[in-house]
C-alpha atoms as a PDB file:
ATOM      1  CA  MET A   1      -3.477 -21.364  -3.595  1.00  0.00           C
ATOM      2  CA  ASP A   2      -2.322 -17.722  -3.850  1.00  0.00           C
ATOM      3  CA  VAL A   3      -4.057 -16.096  -0.748  1.00  0.00           C
ATOM      4  CA  VAL A   4      -5.010 -17.712   2.550  1.00  0.00           C
ATOM      5  CA  VAL A   5      -6.877 -15.832   5.073  1.00  0.00           C
ATOM      6  CA  LEU A   6      -7.145 -16.335   8.865  1.00  0.00           C
ATOM      7  CA  GLY A   7      -9.922 -14.334  10.492  1.00  0.00           C
ATOM      8  CA  SER A   8     -13.158 -13.879  11.336  1.00  0.00           C
ATOM      9  CA  LEU A   9     -16.388 -14.860  10.002  1.00  0.00           C
ATOM     10  CA  ASN A  10     -19.802 -13.247  10.843  1.00  0.00           C
ATOM     11  CA  MET A  11     -23.296 -12.797   9.959  1.00  0.00           C
ATOM     12  CA  ASP A  12     -23.975  -9.073   9.075  1.00  0.00           C
ATOM     13  CA  LEU A  13     -27.539  -7.906  10.403  1.00  0.00           C
ATOM     14  CA  VAL A  14     -27.600  -4.768   8.381  1.00  0.00           C
ATOM     15  CA  ALA A  15     -30.019  -1.693   8.640  1.00  0.00           C
ATOM     16  CA  GLN A  16     -30.081   0.929   6.317  1.00  0.00           C
ATOM     17  CA  VAL A  17     -30.820   4.262   7.985  1.00  0.00           C
ATOM     18  CA  PRO A  18     -31.313   8.061   6.908  1.00  0.00           C
ATOM     19  CA  ASN A  19     -28.533   9.109   9.696  1.00  0.00           C
ATOM     20  CA  LEU A  20     -26.890   7.222  12.449  1.00  0.00           C
ATOM     21  CA  PRO A  21     -28.968   7.336  15.970  1.00  0.00           C
ATOM     22  CA  GLN A  22     -27.844   9.599  18.836  1.00  0.00           C
ATOM     23  CA  PRO A  23     -27.380   7.797  22.288  1.00  0.00           C
ATOM     24  CA  GLY A  24     -30.946   7.218  23.274  1.00  0.00           C
ATOM     25  CA  GLU A  25     -32.639   8.090  19.900  1.00  0.00           C
ATOM     26  CA  THR A  26     -34.748   5.410  18.399  1.00  0.00           C
ATOM     27  CA  LEU A  27     -35.292   5.988  14.533  1.00  0.00           C
ATOM     28  CA  LEU A  28     -37.108   4.361  11.471  1.00  0.00           C
ATOM     29  CA  GLY A  29     -34.817   2.697   9.118  1.00  0.00           C
ATOM     30  CA  LYS A  30     -35.166   2.025   5.373  1.00  0.00           C
ATOM     31  CA  SER A  31     -34.604  -1.417   4.948  1.00  0.00           C
ATOM     32  CA  PHE A  32     -32.966  -4.574   6.705  1.00  0.00           C
ATOM     33  CA  ALA A  33     -30.917  -7.654   5.170  1.00  0.00           C
ATOM     34  CA  THR A  34     -28.751 -10.615   6.483  1.00  0.00           C
ATOM     35  CA  ILE A  35     -25.309 -10.723   4.519  1.00  0.00           C
ATOM     36  CA  PRO A  36     -22.343 -12.878   5.177  1.00  0.00           C
ATOM     37  CA  GLY A  37     -19.459 -10.761   6.730  1.00  0.00           C
ATOM     38  CA  GLY A  38     -16.739 -10.820   9.108  1.00  0.00           C
ATOM     39  CA  LYS A  39     -13.688  -9.146   8.057  1.00  0.00           C
ATOM     40  CA  GLY A  40     -11.730 -12.482   7.307  1.00  0.00           C
ATOM     41  CA  GLY A  41     -14.531 -13.660   5.245  1.00  0.00           C
ATOM     42  CA  ASN A  42     -14.958 -10.257   3.562  1.00  0.00           C
ATOM     43  CA  GLN A  43     -11.098 -10.245   2.425  1.00  0.00           C
ATOM     44  CA  ALA A  44     -11.235 -13.909   1.270  1.00  0.00           C
ATOM     45  CA  VAL A  45     -14.157 -13.136  -0.995  1.00  0.00           C
ATOM     46  CA  ALA A  46     -12.755  -9.632  -2.418  1.00  0.00           C
ATOM     47  CA  ALA A  47      -9.558 -11.901  -3.241  1.00  0.00           C
ATOM     48  CA  ALA A  48     -11.293 -14.772  -4.680  1.00  0.00           C
ATOM     49  CA  ARG A  49     -13.612 -12.660  -7.058  1.00  0.00           C
ATOM     50  CA  LEU A  50     -10.132 -11.003  -8.487  1.00  0.00           C
ATOM     51  CA  GLY A  51      -8.891 -14.321  -9.151  1.00  0.00           C
ATOM     52  CA  ALA A  52      -6.721 -15.342  -6.493  1.00  0.00           C
ATOM     53  CA  ARG A  53      -7.102 -19.026  -5.439  1.00  0.00           C
ATOM     54  CA  THR A  54      -7.925 -18.356  -2.087  1.00  0.00           C
ATOM     55  CA  ALA A  55      -8.455 -20.364   1.320  1.00  0.00           C
ATOM     56  CA  MET A  56     -10.334 -19.460   4.629  1.00  0.00           C
ATOM     57  CA  VAL A  57      -9.431 -20.477   8.164  1.00  0.00           C
ATOM     58  CA  GLY A  58     -11.314 -19.675  11.041  1.00  0.00           C
ATOM     59  CA  ARG A  59     -14.643 -21.000  13.303  1.00  0.00           C
ATOM     60  CA  VAL A  60     -18.112 -20.618  12.903  1.00  0.00           C
ATOM     61  CA  GLY A  61     -20.974 -22.064  15.257  1.00  0.00           C
ATOM     62  CA  ASN A  62     -22.750 -25.129  14.975  1.00  0.00           C
ATOM     63  CA  ASP A  63     -26.075 -23.317  13.739  1.00  0.00           C
ATOM     64  CA  ASP A  64     -27.841 -22.076  10.685  1.00  0.00           C
ATOM     65  CA  MET A  65     -25.742 -18.957  10.248  1.00  0.00           C
ATOM     66  CA  GLY A  66     -22.572 -21.133  10.122  1.00  0.00           C
ATOM     67  CA  LYS A  67     -23.692 -23.393   7.620  1.00  0.00           C
ATOM     68  CA  THR A  68     -24.693 -20.400   5.511  1.00  0.00           C
ATOM     69  CA  LEU A  69     -21.409 -18.417   5.930  1.00  0.00           C
ATOM     70  CA  CYS A  70     -19.633 -21.773   4.729  1.00  0.00           C
ATOM     71  CA  THR A  71     -21.497 -22.084   1.776  1.00  0.00           C
ATOM     72  CA  TYR A  72     -21.617 -18.648   0.725  1.00  0.00           C
ATOM     73  CA  LEU A  73     -17.688 -19.125   0.789  1.00  0.00           C
ATOM     74  CA  GLU A  74     -17.841 -22.301  -1.293  1.00  0.00           C
ATOM     75  CA  SER A  75     -20.257 -20.589  -3.867  1.00  0.00           C
ATOM     76  CA  GLU A  76     -17.376 -18.035  -4.187  1.00  0.00           C
ATOM     77  CA  ASN A  77     -14.809 -20.905  -4.993  1.00  0.00           C
ATOM     78  CA  ILE A  78     -13.202 -20.275  -1.861  1.00  0.00           C
ATOM     79  CA  GLU A  79     -11.690 -23.396   0.160  1.00  0.00           C
ATOM     80  CA  THR A  80     -13.046 -23.943   3.581  1.00  0.00           C
ATOM     81  CA  GLN A  81     -11.590 -27.015   4.782  1.00  0.00           C
ATOM     82  CA  GLY A  82      -9.905 -24.994   7.282  1.00  0.00           C
ATOM     83  CA  VAL A  83     -13.096 -23.394   8.668  1.00  0.00           C
ATOM     84  CA  GLY A  84     -13.865 -25.164  12.087  1.00  0.00           C
ATOM     85  CA  ILE A  85     -16.927 -25.551  14.016  1.00  0.00           C
ATOM     86  CA  SER A  86     -17.325 -24.604  17.710  1.00  0.00           C
ATOM     87  CA  PRO A  87     -20.481 -26.914  18.913  1.00  0.00           C
ATOM     88  CA  ARG A  88     -21.451 -24.829  21.761  1.00  0.00           C
ATOM     89  CA  THR A  89     -20.854 -21.187  20.522  1.00  0.00           C
ATOM     90  CA  SER A  90     -22.999 -19.450  18.331  1.00  0.00           C
ATOM     91  CA  SER A  91     -21.362 -17.869  14.773  1.00  0.00           C
ATOM     92  CA  GLY A  92     -20.095 -14.316  15.048  1.00  0.00           C
ATOM     93  CA  THR A  93     -22.808 -11.696  14.258  1.00  0.00           C
ATOM     94  CA  ALA A  94     -22.295  -8.166  13.313  1.00  0.00           C
ATOM     95  CA  LEU A  95     -24.975  -5.494  14.274  1.00  0.00           C
ATOM     96  CA  ILE A  96     -24.628  -2.727  11.459  1.00  0.00           C
ATOM     97  CA  SER A  97     -26.069   0.513  10.710  1.00  0.00           C
ATOM     98  CA  VAL A  98     -25.450   2.148   7.406  1.00  0.00           C
ATOM     99  CA  SER A  99     -25.982   5.867   6.712  1.00  0.00           C
ATOM    100  CA  PRO A 100     -25.261   7.349   3.161  1.00  0.00           C
ATOM    101  CA  ASN A 101     -22.068   8.600   4.684  1.00  0.00           C
ATOM    102  CA  ASN A 102     -21.067   6.333   7.753  1.00  0.00           C
ATOM    103  CA  ASN A 103     -21.472   3.457   9.596  1.00  0.00           C
ATOM    104  CA  GLN A 104     -21.751   2.095  12.962  1.00  0.00           C
ATOM    105  CA  ILE A 105     -21.063  -1.781  13.867  1.00  0.00           C
ATOM    106  CA  VAL A 106     -21.242  -3.621  16.972  1.00  0.00           C
ATOM    107  CA  VAL A 107     -19.530  -6.961  16.627  1.00  0.00           C
ATOM    108  CA  ILE A 108     -20.239 -10.293  18.988  1.00  0.00           C
ATOM    109  CA  PRO A 109     -17.310 -12.595  18.247  1.00  0.00           C
ATOM    110  CA  GLY A 110     -19.012 -15.753  19.037  1.00  0.00           C
ATOM    111  CA  ALA A 111     -16.865 -18.811  17.744  1.00  0.00           C
ATOM    112  CA  ASN A 112     -14.116 -16.086  16.593  1.00  0.00           C
ATOM    113  CA  SER A 113     -13.414 -15.686  19.987  1.00  0.00           C
ATOM    114  CA  GLU A 114     -12.416 -19.480  19.875  1.00  0.00           C
ATOM    115  CA  VAL A 115      -9.947 -19.261  17.132  1.00  0.00           C
ATOM    116  CA  SER A 116      -6.676 -20.741  18.671  1.00  0.00           C
ATOM    117  CA  ASP A 117      -3.422 -22.438  18.077  1.00  0.00           C
ATOM    118  CA  GLY A 118      -5.347 -25.461  16.423  1.00  0.00           C
ATOM    119  CA  GLU A 119      -5.865 -23.144  13.546  1.00  0.00           C
ATOM    120  CA  LEU A 120      -2.272 -22.502  13.298  1.00  0.00           C
ATOM    121  CA  ASP A 121      -1.906 -26.206  12.622  1.00  0.00           C
ATOM    122  CA  VAL A 122      -4.599 -25.777   9.926  1.00  0.00           C
ATOM    123  CA  LEU A 123      -2.994 -22.885   8.641  1.00  0.00           C
ATOM    124  CA  MET A 124       0.483 -24.228   8.177  1.00  0.00           C
ATOM    125  CA  PRO A 125       0.150 -26.583   5.196  1.00  0.00           C
ATOM    126  CA  TYR A 126      -1.040 -23.566   3.063  1.00  0.00           C
ATOM    127  CA  PHE A 127       2.515 -21.888   3.496  1.00  0.00           C
ATOM    128  CA  GLU A 128       3.565 -24.525   0.980  1.00  0.00           C
ATOM    129  CA  GLN A 129       1.243 -22.887  -1.732  1.00  0.00           C
ATOM    130  CA  ALA A 130       0.247 -19.551  -0.682  1.00  0.00           C
ATOM    131  CA  SER A 131       2.181 -16.134  -1.328  1.00  0.00           C
ATOM    132  CA  VAL A 132       0.120 -13.845   0.681  1.00  0.00           C
ATOM    133  CA  LEU A 133      -1.468 -14.271   4.341  1.00  0.00           C
ATOM    134  CA  LEU A 134      -4.263 -12.051   5.335  1.00  0.00           C
ATOM    135  CA  LEU A 135      -4.897 -11.345   8.994  1.00  0.00           C
ATOM    136  CA  GLN A 136      -7.019  -9.119  10.904  1.00  0.00           C
ATOM    137  CA  PHE A 137      -8.009  -8.249  14.765  1.00  0.00           C
ATOM    138  CA  GLU A 138     -11.547  -9.723  15.105  1.00  0.00           C
ATOM    139  CA  ILE A 139      -9.785 -13.059  16.380  1.00  0.00           C
ATOM    140  CA  PRO A 140      -7.438 -13.413  19.608  1.00  0.00           C
ATOM    141  CA  LEU A 141      -4.555 -11.289  19.102  1.00  0.00           C
ATOM    142  CA  ASP A 142      -2.121 -13.824  20.344  1.00  0.00           C
ATOM    143  CA  VAL A 143      -3.026 -16.349  17.544  1.00  0.00           C
ATOM    144  CA  VAL A 144      -2.767 -13.480  14.776  1.00  0.00           C
ATOM    145  CA  GLU A 145       0.703 -12.648  16.402  1.00  0.00           C
ATOM    146  CA  LYS A 146       1.970 -16.352  15.792  1.00  0.00           C
ATOM    147  CA  ALA A 147       0.451 -16.545  12.495  1.00  0.00           C
ATOM    148  CA  ALA A 148       2.387 -13.556  11.347  1.00  0.00           C
ATOM    149  CA  ALA A 149       5.708 -14.769  12.718  1.00  0.00           C
ATOM    150  CA  LEU A 150       5.082 -18.261  11.314  1.00  0.00           C
ATOM    151  CA  ALA A 151       4.136 -17.089   7.829  1.00  0.00           C
ATOM    152  CA  TYR A 152       6.616 -14.397   7.563  1.00  0.00           C
ATOM    153  CA  THR A 153       9.426 -16.730   8.428  1.00  0.00           C
ATOM    154  CA  ALA A 154       8.305 -19.183   5.560  1.00  0.00           C
ATOM    155  CA  GLY A 155       8.457 -16.509   3.335  1.00  0.00           C
ATOM    156  CA  LEU A 156       4.871 -15.014   2.644  1.00  0.00           C
ATOM    157  CA  THR A 157       3.739 -11.314   2.247  1.00  0.00           C
ATOM    158  CA  VAL A 158       1.966 -10.879   5.546  1.00  0.00           C
ATOM    159  CA  ILE A 159      -0.584  -8.168   5.286  1.00  0.00           C
ATOM    160  CA  VAL A 160      -2.251  -7.285   8.617  1.00  0.00           C
ATOM    161  CA  ASP A 161      -5.672  -5.222   8.918  1.00  0.00           C
ATOM    162  CA  PRO A 162      -5.367  -3.839  12.508  1.00  0.00           C
ATOM    163  CA  ALA A 163      -9.047  -3.428  13.071  1.00  0.00           C
ATOM    164  CA  PRO A 164     -10.558  -2.949  15.364  1.00  0.00           C
ATOM    165  CA  ALA A 165      -7.440  -1.378  16.866  1.00  0.00           C
ATOM    166  CA  GLN A 166      -6.629  -2.390  20.773  1.00  0.00           C
ATOM    167  CA  GLY A 167      -3.672   0.168  21.542  1.00  0.00           C
ATOM    168  CA  PRO A 168      -0.031   0.086  20.381  1.00  0.00           C
ATOM    169  CA  LEU A 169       1.129  -3.002  18.556  1.00  0.00           C
ATOM    170  CA  PRO A 170       2.948  -5.383  20.397  1.00  0.00           C
ATOM    171  CA  ALA A 171       7.107  -4.662  19.351  1.00  0.00           C
ATOM    172  CA  ASP A 172       7.866  -8.335  18.848  1.00  0.00           C
ATOM    173  CA  VAL A 173       5.013  -8.836  16.002  1.00  0.00           C
ATOM    174  CA  CYS A 174       6.128  -5.618  13.929  1.00  0.00           C
ATOM    175  CA  ASN A 175       8.857  -7.355  12.628  1.00  0.00           C
ATOM    176  CA  TYR A 176       6.890 -10.285  11.086  1.00  0.00           C
ATOM    177  CA  ILE A 177       4.309  -7.719   9.196  1.00  0.00           C
ATOM    178  CA  SER A 178       4.961  -7.173   5.922  1.00  0.00           C
ATOM    179  CA  ILE A 179       2.270  -4.668   5.103  1.00  0.00           C
ATOM    180  CA  LEU A 180      -0.042  -2.825   7.769  1.00  0.00           C
ATOM    181  CA  THR A 181      -2.985  -1.187   6.448  1.00  0.00           C
ATOM    182  CA  PRO A 182      -4.980   0.696   9.281  1.00  0.00           C
ATOM    183  CA  ASN A 183      -7.497   3.357   8.594  1.00  0.00           C
ATOM    184  CA  GLN A 184      -6.802   6.894   9.817  1.00  0.00           C
ATOM    185  CA  THR A 185      -8.756   6.103  13.149  1.00  0.00           C
ATOM    186  CA  GLU A 186      -6.673   3.028  13.707  1.00  0.00           C
ATOM    187  CA  ALA A 187      -3.319   4.749  12.949  1.00  0.00           C
ATOM    188  CA  ALA A 188      -4.220   7.352  15.174  1.00  0.00           C
ATOM    189  CA  MET A 189      -5.002   4.761  17.855  1.00  0.00           C
ATOM    190  CA  LEU A 190      -1.819   2.944  17.178  1.00  0.00           C
ATOM    191  CA  THR A 191       0.345   6.008  17.373  1.00  0.00           C
ATOM    192  CA  GLY A 192      -1.125   8.443  19.794  1.00  0.00           C
ATOM    193  CA  GLN A 193      -0.987  10.892  17.068  1.00  0.00           C
ATOM    194  CA  PRO A 194      -4.128  12.768  15.392  1.00  0.00           C
ATOM    195  CA  VAL A 195      -4.324  11.731  11.908  1.00  0.00           C
ATOM    196  CA  GLU A 196      -6.691  14.142  10.309  1.00  0.00           C
ATOM    197  CA  ASP A 197      -4.943  14.770   6.613  1.00  0.00           C
ATOM    198  CA  VAL A 198      -2.138  13.516   4.269  1.00  0.00           C
ATOM    199  CA  LYS A 199       0.493  15.035   6.143  1.00  0.00           C
ATOM    200  CA  SER A 200      -0.672  13.377   9.469  1.00  0.00           C
ATOM    201  CA  ALA A 201      -1.162  10.368   8.074  1.00  0.00           C
ATOM    202  CA  ILE A 202       2.373  10.074   6.359  1.00  0.00           C
ATOM    203  CA  ALA A 203       3.634  11.028   9.914  1.00  0.00           C
ATOM    204  CA  ALA A 204       1.821   8.203  11.570  1.00  0.00           C
ATOM    205  CA  ALA A 205       2.591   5.705   8.913  1.00  0.00           C
ATOM    206  CA  GLU A 206       6.500   6.630   9.353  1.00  0.00           C
ATOM    207  CA  ILE A 207       6.099   6.116  13.162  1.00  0.00           C
ATOM    208  CA  LEU A 208       4.849   2.521  12.606  1.00  0.00           C
ATOM    209  CA  GLN A 209       7.086   1.664   9.891  1.00  0.00           C
ATOM    210  CA  ARG A 210      10.171   2.649  11.933  1.00  0.00           C
ATOM    211  CA  GLN A 211       8.665   0.052  14.843  1.00  0.00           C
ATOM    212  CA  GLY A 212      10.080  -2.711  12.106  1.00  0.00           C
ATOM    213  CA  ILE A 213       7.217  -3.371   9.576  1.00  0.00           C
ATOM    214  CA  ASP A 214       8.205  -3.499   6.087  1.00  0.00           C
ATOM    215  CA  THR A 215       5.369  -1.173   4.731  1.00  0.00           C
ATOM    216  CA  VAL A 216       2.511   0.889   6.075  1.00  0.00           C
ATOM    217  CA  ILE A 217      -0.742   2.067   4.174  1.00  0.00           C
ATOM    218  CA  VAL A 218      -3.030   4.378   5.802  1.00  0.00           C
ATOM    219  CA  LYS A 219      -6.154   4.408   4.335  1.00  0.00           C
ATOM    220  CA  MET A 220      -8.307   7.652   4.648  1.00  0.00           C
ATOM    221  CA  GLY A 221     -11.325   7.027   2.704  1.00  0.00           C
ATOM    222  CA  GLY A 222     -12.153   9.976   0.542  1.00  0.00           C
ATOM    223  CA  MET A 223      -8.588  11.514   1.106  1.00  0.00           C
ATOM    224  CA  GLY A 224      -6.983   8.285  -0.644  1.00  0.00           C
ATOM    225  CA  CYS A 225      -3.843   6.540   0.995  1.00  0.00           C
ATOM    226  CA  VAL A 226      -0.619   7.329   2.129  1.00  0.00           C
ATOM    227  CA  CYS A 227       2.374   4.594   2.135  1.00  0.00           C
ATOM    228  CA  ALA A 228       5.576   4.662   4.104  1.00  0.00           C
ATOM    229  CA  THR A 229       8.624   2.496   3.162  1.00  0.00           C
ATOM    230  CA  ALA A 230      12.078   2.362   4.249  1.00  0.00           C
ATOM    231  CA  ALA A 231      12.850   3.804   0.752  1.00  0.00           C
ATOM    232  CA  GLY A 232      10.332   6.909   1.576  1.00  0.00           C
ATOM    233  CA  SER A 233       6.632   7.869   1.830  1.00  0.00           C
ATOM    234  CA  PHE A 234       4.078   8.886  -0.891  1.00  0.00           C
ATOM    235  CA  ALA A 235       0.469   9.189  -1.198  1.00  0.00           C
ATOM    236  CA  VAL A 236      -2.168   7.704  -3.637  1.00  0.00           C
ATOM    237  CA  PRO A 237      -5.239   9.970  -4.519  1.00  0.00           C
ATOM    238  CA  VAL A 238      -8.885   8.225  -4.117  1.00  0.00           C
ATOM    239  CA  PHE A 239     -11.067   7.494  -7.022  1.00  0.00           C
ATOM    240  CA  PRO A 240     -14.031   9.735  -6.620  1.00  0.00           C
ATOM    241  CA  VAL A 241     -17.445   7.972  -6.542  1.00  0.00           C
ATOM    242  CA  ASP A 242     -20.941   8.199  -4.911  1.00  0.00           C
ATOM    243  CA  ALA A 243     -20.657   6.025  -2.087  1.00  0.00           C
ATOM    244  CA  ILE A 244     -23.801   4.316  -0.591  1.00  0.00           C
ATOM    245  CA  ASP A 245     -22.204   1.646   1.850  1.00  0.00           C
ATOM    246  CA  THR A 246     -18.521   1.852   3.338  1.00  0.00           C
ATOM    247  CA  VAL A 247     -18.714  -0.831   5.539  1.00  0.00           C
ATOM    248  CA  ALA A 248     -16.691  -3.330   3.763  1.00  0.00           C
ATOM    249  CA  ALA A 249     -14.489  -0.638   2.034  1.00  0.00           C
ATOM    250  CA  GLY A 250     -11.207  -1.655   4.022  1.00  0.00           C
ATOM    251  CA  ASP A 251     -11.977  -5.383   3.690  1.00  0.00           C
ATOM    252  CA  ALA A 252     -12.201  -4.950  -0.326  1.00  0.00           C
ATOM    253  CA  PHE A 253      -8.951  -2.622  -0.243  1.00  0.00           C
ATOM    254  CA  ASN A 254      -7.037  -5.659   1.352  1.00  0.00           C
ATOM    255  CA  GLY A 255      -8.582  -8.469  -0.620  1.00  0.00           C
ATOM    256  CA  GLY A 256      -7.447  -6.324  -3.708  1.00  0.00           C
ATOM    257  CA  LEU A 257      -4.050  -5.609  -2.358  1.00  0.00           C
ATOM    258  CA  ALA A 258      -3.555  -9.181  -1.734  1.00  0.00           C
ATOM    259  CA  ALA A 259      -4.606 -10.253  -5.079  1.00  0.00           C
ATOM    260  CA  ALA A 260      -2.277  -7.569  -6.957  1.00  0.00           C
ATOM    261  CA  LEU A 261       0.731  -8.458  -5.043  1.00  0.00           C
ATOM    262  CA  CYS A 262       0.016 -12.138  -5.665  1.00  0.00           C
ATOM    263  CA  GLU A 263       1.121 -11.170  -9.297  1.00  0.00           C
ATOM    264  CA  PHE A 264       4.636 -10.165  -8.377  1.00  0.00           C
ATOM    265  CA  THR A 265       7.481 -12.194  -7.142  1.00  0.00           C
ATOM    266  CA  ARG A 266       9.992 -11.402  -4.679  1.00  0.00           C
ATOM    267  CA  GLU A 267      12.476 -13.035  -2.514  1.00  0.00           C
ATOM    268  CA  PRO A 268      11.503 -14.000   1.169  1.00  0.00           C
ATOM    269  CA  GLY A 269      11.785 -11.091   3.300  1.00  0.00           C
ATOM    270  CA  GLU A 270      12.456  -8.524   0.687  1.00  0.00           C
ATOM    271  CA  PRO A 271      10.090  -5.481   0.927  1.00  0.00           C
ATOM    272  CA  PHE A 272       8.193  -4.581  -2.416  1.00  0.00           C
ATOM    273  CA  SER A 273       9.426  -1.506  -4.469  1.00  0.00           C
ATOM    274  CA  GLN A 274       7.615   1.317  -4.300  1.00  0.00           C
ATOM    275  CA  ASN A 275       6.309   0.983  -8.212  1.00  0.00           C
ATOM    276  CA  ILE A 276       4.961  -2.261  -7.429  1.00  0.00           C
ATOM    277  CA  LEU A 277       3.301  -0.811  -4.283  1.00  0.00           C
ATOM    278  CA  LYS A 278       1.875   2.167  -6.312  1.00  0.00           C
ATOM    279  CA  ASP A 279       0.363  -0.441  -8.768  1.00  0.00           C
ATOM    280  CA  ALA A 280      -0.916  -2.555  -6.200  1.00  0.00           C
ATOM    281  CA  ILE A 281      -2.473   0.257  -4.221  1.00  0.00           C
ATOM    282  CA  ASP A 282      -3.839   2.031  -7.150  1.00  0.00           C
ATOM    283  CA  TYR A 283      -5.537  -1.406  -7.918  1.00  0.00           C
ATOM    284  CA  ALA A 284      -6.759  -2.001  -4.251  1.00  0.00           C
ATOM    285  CA  SER A 285      -8.097   1.463  -4.401  1.00  0.00           C
ATOM    286  CA  ALA A 286     -10.310   0.649  -7.487  1.00  0.00           C
ATOM    287  CA  VAL A 287     -11.553  -2.338  -5.337  1.00  0.00           C
ATOM    288  CA  ALA A 288     -12.419  -0.260  -2.653  1.00  0.00           C
ATOM    289  CA  ALA A 289     -14.249   2.220  -4.796  1.00  0.00           C
ATOM    290  CA  ILE A 290     -16.536   0.171  -6.645  1.00  0.00           C
ATOM    291  CA  SER A 291     -17.467  -1.732  -3.364  1.00  0.00           C
ATOM    292  CA  VAL A 292     -18.540   1.355  -1.572  1.00  0.00           C
ATOM    293  CA  THR A 293     -21.146   1.837  -4.529  1.00  0.00           C
ATOM    294  CA  ARG A 294     -22.966  -1.292  -3.593  1.00  0.00           C
ATOM    295  CA  THR A 295     -24.303  -2.425  -0.464  1.00  0.00           C
ATOM    296  CA  GLY A 296     -23.521  -5.370   2.085  1.00  0.00           C
ATOM    297  CA  GLY A 297     -20.135  -7.095   2.745  1.00  0.00           C
ATOM    298  CA  GLN A 298     -19.100  -9.910   0.628  1.00  0.00           C
ATOM    299  CA  THR A 299     -21.749  -8.971  -1.756  1.00  0.00           C
ATOM    300  CA  SER A 300     -20.397  -5.550  -2.703  1.00  0.00           C
ATOM    301  CA  MET A 301     -17.107  -7.135  -3.643  1.00  0.00           C
ATOM    302  CA  PRO A 302     -16.243  -6.658  -7.608  1.00  0.00           C
ATOM    303  CA  ARG A 303     -15.022  -9.242  -9.704  1.00  0.00           C
ATOM    304  CA  ALA A 304     -11.596  -8.702 -11.912  1.00  0.00           C
ATOM    305  CA  ALA A 305     -13.120  -7.753 -15.279  1.00  0.00           C
ATOM    306  CA  GLU A 306     -15.372  -5.043 -13.454  1.00  0.00           C
ATOM    307  CA  VAL A 307     -11.920  -3.512 -11.829  1.00  0.00           C
ATOM    308  CA  GLU A 308     -10.029  -3.467 -15.105  1.00  0.00           C
ATOM    309  CA  GLU A 309     -13.016  -1.656 -16.722  1.00  0.00           C
ATOM    310  CA  PHE A 310     -13.148   0.851 -14.093  1.00  0.00           C
ATOM    311  CA  LEU A 311      -9.452   1.407 -14.077  1.00  0.00           C
ATOM    312  CA  GLN A 312      -9.756   2.039 -17.972  1.00  0.00           C
ATOM    313  CA  PHE A 313     -12.281   4.472 -17.544  1.00  0.00           C
ATOM    314  CA  LYS A 314     -10.862   6.594 -14.740  1.00  0.00           C
ATOM    315  CA  ARG A 315      -7.176   6.229 -16.480  1.00  0.00           C
ATOM    316  CA  VAL A 316      -8.800   8.240 -19.613  1.00  0.00           C
END
């Protein structure tokens, strides 16, 4: 096992719309689709399609959506023995409106809200095999914090996507995060500082990094990424593409980052060098760039050969 994901599994109910509705407005959509999603599931599929041996730990409801979510993960060669079933709660659901340049999401956590310390017992045996743990904030935060501490202490690279952001990070959890990957909105919420351009993004990343986090990467969509480490900060430009659906761009990035970092060895607790991080961010950015040219969450994730071809073309 290379990557283990503890996180959310949702069924995405996706409406393609010409523009996002204003409060009280009714508008006609273009199309509708039901697509497996959830930040945890999306990141697991992204990593698995890139060749990382991946396991998923989380919860679904005892319903048709839960069965479909697990079946889809299994079809992507993701181990699902760690996905529990909540007998009296529905599977998580996300109501998503997607316009050409933006999206709007309402998440009903369902069984995701029942992820508990029991999942930690399921998670820990994977630490003997995996090198990366992916976490997000669509499951109870106390479980995320405990999982981060356990995995970091065990020597894994702990990548935390603080989405949805819920205010400043607890001080004690920062010491157990190898890499934090907020987008610019989340970085602003976590720091209380506006994040509007590369300069302000670097400032926010450095604030978060000084809280005890090894590395902070702020994802800025069309403005690329910035990265702050103890050795300094740098920016990575975006790959320009014609985006049609940005819903799972952040998840594609995190899955790509995890898959890339699996290729590098390091001593437990030792931060990655800036050269390794630059290469990994470049790869993850390519994964995200390809994903936004397609619709859906898990269905938009590219495979390793596509990413390599994309990078070769862009580097010419």
